[in-house]
Structures are given as C-alpha cells and as structure tokens.
Amino acid sequence: MKGHPVRLLFAAFGFGFVAIGVVGIFVPLLPTTPFLILAAALFSRSSPRFERWLLAHPRFGEPLRNWRRQGAIRRRHKLLACISMICSFLILLVFFRTSAIALVGAGVLMAAVAIYVASRPEPRY
C-alpha cells in the first residue's frame, strides 16, 4: 500500500496544512495549530516518518502531543491564542472597511473559538 493513491493524497494534504500553518505564524486571522493538528492526523494515515517529524518538532511537537493525548492546551498557549484573536479582530475593525455583517460574523466566530480554547483542559504531565 506504499504508493496507494489515498495515502499520497493524505500526505499531500498534510504538507499543504503544514504550509498553511507556517503562513499562519505570520498572518493575522490565520491560525497555526489547527492546521498542524490536521497535518499530524493526515500524516498518521499516510507517512509515519513525517508524523514523527511533526510530533518531535522543537516548537510545535509538544502542543501537538498534548492535544493528541489529552485534548489539552497549555495555559500560556490559551492566553496567546485569545490575545491573537483579539488583536486580529482589532486589526480587522481598524484597518479594513468591511460590512457590519462580516464584523459581527468574525467577532462571533472568534468569540466561539476563544471559548472553546479556554475550555480545554491543561496538560497533566
């Protein structure tokens, strides 16, 4: 099953999500971690080597392992995520001319994500 088309497709999507996650480091409103979680899940079904690489990554490995094992997010990461969403919303509000519907939609979506992130448990070591 080494060259199976579905495996290749999963690997391609995995690399695509890694790329989007890396771009998310630098672009406001684009998250990083959810894309890396998706990439790790796709690599688990397509490329154990790249799954190990992602889970052992010095910066992203620990949060991915915590999520995978416990569905947990460190307090510091929760705080950073919520602050990033607030800053992203403020950037949207101040620098972009957008409709009220788009602002409300973005605000509601970010608030829902912030509540979800804040409700996740902290890792137990």
Protein backbone atom coordinates (compact mmCIF):
# COMPACT_ATOMS: atom_id res chain seq x y z
CA MET A 1 0.00 0.00 0.00
CA LYS A 2 3.10 2.20 -0.15
CA GLY A 3 2.08 4.21 -3.22
CA HIS A 4 -1.66 3.90 -2.68
CA PRO A 5 -3.42 6.98 -4.13
CA VAL A 6 -5.33 7.73 -0.91
CA ARG A 7 -2.09 7.69 1.10
CA LEU A 8 -0.48 10.04 -1.38
CA LEU A 9 -3.50 12.33 -1.22
CA PHE A 10 -3.41 12.36 2.61
CA ALA A 11 0.32 13.15 2.53
CA ALA A 12 -0.21 15.96 0.02
CA PHE A 13 -2.95 17.48 2.18
CA GLY A 14 -0.71 17.03 5.23
CA PHE A 15 2.06 19.06 3.59
CA GLY A 16 -0.48 21.63 2.46
CA PHE A 17 -1.76 22.05 6.01
CA VAL A 18 1.80 22.36 7.33
CA ALA A 19 2.40 25.13 4.79
CA ILE A 20 -0.82 26.93 5.77
CA GLY A 21 0.13 26.56 9.45
CA VAL A 22 3.55 28.11 8.83
CA VAL A 23 1.94 31.00 6.95
CA GLY A 24 -0.41 31.40 9.92
CA ILE A 25 2.56 32.25 12.13
CA PHE A 26 2.97 35.50 10.21
CA VAL A 27 -0.56 36.36 9.02
CA PRO A 28 -3.18 37.72 11.42
CA LEU A 29 -6.56 35.94 11.35
CA LEU A 30 -4.94 32.70 10.15
CA PRO A 31 -4.40 30.16 12.94
CA THR A 32 -1.41 27.83 13.07
CA THR A 33 -2.16 24.99 15.46
CA PRO A 34 -5.44 23.67 13.97
CA PHE A 35 -3.72 23.21 10.61
CA LEU A 36 -0.80 21.41 12.24
CA ILE A 37 -3.22 19.15 14.14
CA LEU A 38 -4.87 18.29 10.81
CA ALA A 39 -1.46 17.69 9.22
CA ALA A 40 -0.44 15.32 12.03
CA ALA A 41 -3.72 13.40 11.65
CA LEU A 42 -3.21 13.09 7.89
CA PHE A 43 0.42 12.04 8.30
CA SER A 44 -0.67 9.36 10.80
CA ARG A 45 -2.58 7.78 7.92
CA SER A 46 -0.03 8.37 5.20
CA SER A 47 3.53 8.89 6.39
CA PRO A 48 4.70 7.75 9.83
CA ARG A 49 8.04 9.41 9.12
CA PHE A 50 6.51 12.87 8.69
CA GLU A 51 4.13 12.28 11.59
CA ARG A 52 7.16 11.58 13.83
CA TRP A 53 8.91 14.64 12.43
CA LEU A 54 5.96 16.90 13.23
CA LEU A 55 5.39 15.42 16.70
CA ALA A 56 9.11 15.75 17.51
CA HIS A 57 9.39 19.31 16.17
CA PRO A 58 11.05 21.56 18.80
CA ARG A 59 8.38 24.27 18.61
CA PHE A 60 5.19 22.50 17.54
CA GLY A 61 5.70 18.97 18.85
CA GLU A 62 4.72 19.49 22.48
CA PRO A 63 1.39 21.23 21.79
CA LEU A 64 0.50 18.59 19.19
CA ARG A 65 1.37 15.73 21.55
CA ASN A 66 -0.64 17.36 24.39
CA TRP A 67 -3.63 17.74 22.08
CA ARG A 68 -3.37 14.20 20.79
CA ARG A 69 -3.00 12.58 24.23
CA GLN A 70 -5.33 14.71 26.35
CA GLY A 71 -7.11 17.27 24.16
CA ALA A 72 -5.17 19.73 26.31
CA ILE A 73 -3.74 23.20 25.72
CA ARG A 74 -1.18 24.88 27.98
CA ARG A 75 -2.42 28.00 29.78
CA ARG A 76 0.23 30.13 28.06
CA HIS A 77 -0.93 28.95 24.64
CA LYS A 78 -4.57 29.60 25.52
CA LEU A 79 -3.69 33.13 26.53
CA LEU A 80 -1.65 33.71 23.36
CA ALA A 81 -4.47 32.34 21.19
CA CYS A 82 -7.08 34.58 22.80
CA ILE A 83 -4.86 37.67 22.66
CA SER A 84 -4.10 36.92 19.00
CA MET A 85 -7.79 36.70 18.21
CA ILE A 86 -8.49 39.99 19.98
CA CYS A 87 -5.63 41.68 18.10
CA SER A 88 -6.81 40.18 14.81
CA PHE A 89 -10.33 41.46 15.40
CA LEU A 90 -8.99 44.92 16.24
CA ILE A 91 -6.89 44.92 13.05
CA LEU A 92 -10.00 43.96 11.10
CA LEU A 93 -12.03 46.67 12.80
CA VAL A 94 -9.48 49.49 12.44
CA PHE A 95 -7.72 48.84 9.13
CA PHE A 96 -10.33 47.20 6.91
CA ARG A 97 -13.55 48.60 5.57
CA THR A 98 -15.94 45.74 5.85
CA SER A 99 -19.66 45.29 6.33
CA ALA A 100 -21.28 45.08 9.72
CA ILE A 101 -22.35 41.52 8.92
CA ALA A 102 -18.73 40.49 8.29
CA LEU A 103 -17.58 42.18 11.51
CA VAL A 104 -20.28 40.50 13.55
CA GLY A 105 -19.58 37.15 11.90
CA ALA A 106 -15.84 37.42 12.55
CA GLY A 107 -16.48 38.53 16.13
CA VAL A 108 -18.89 35.69 16.85
CA LEU A 109 -16.59 33.12 15.27
CA MET A 110 -13.54 34.37 17.19
CA ALA A 111 -15.51 34.50 20.45
CA ALA A 112 -16.72 30.92 19.93
CA VAL A 113 -13.19 29.72 19.21
CA ALA A 114 -11.85 31.62 22.24
CA ILE A 115 -14.47 29.98 24.48
CA TYR A 116 -13.59 26.57 23.08
CA VAL A 117 -9.85 27.12 23.54
CA ALA A 118 -10.32 28.45 27.08
CA SER A 119 -12.49 25.44 27.99
CA ARG A 120 -9.84 22.86 27.06
CA PRO A 121 -8.04 21.24 29.97
CA GLU A 122 -4.42 21.97 30.77
CA PRO A 123 -1.93 19.14 30.18
CA ARG A 124 -1.28 16.69 33.00
CA TYR A 125 2.34 15.66 32.98
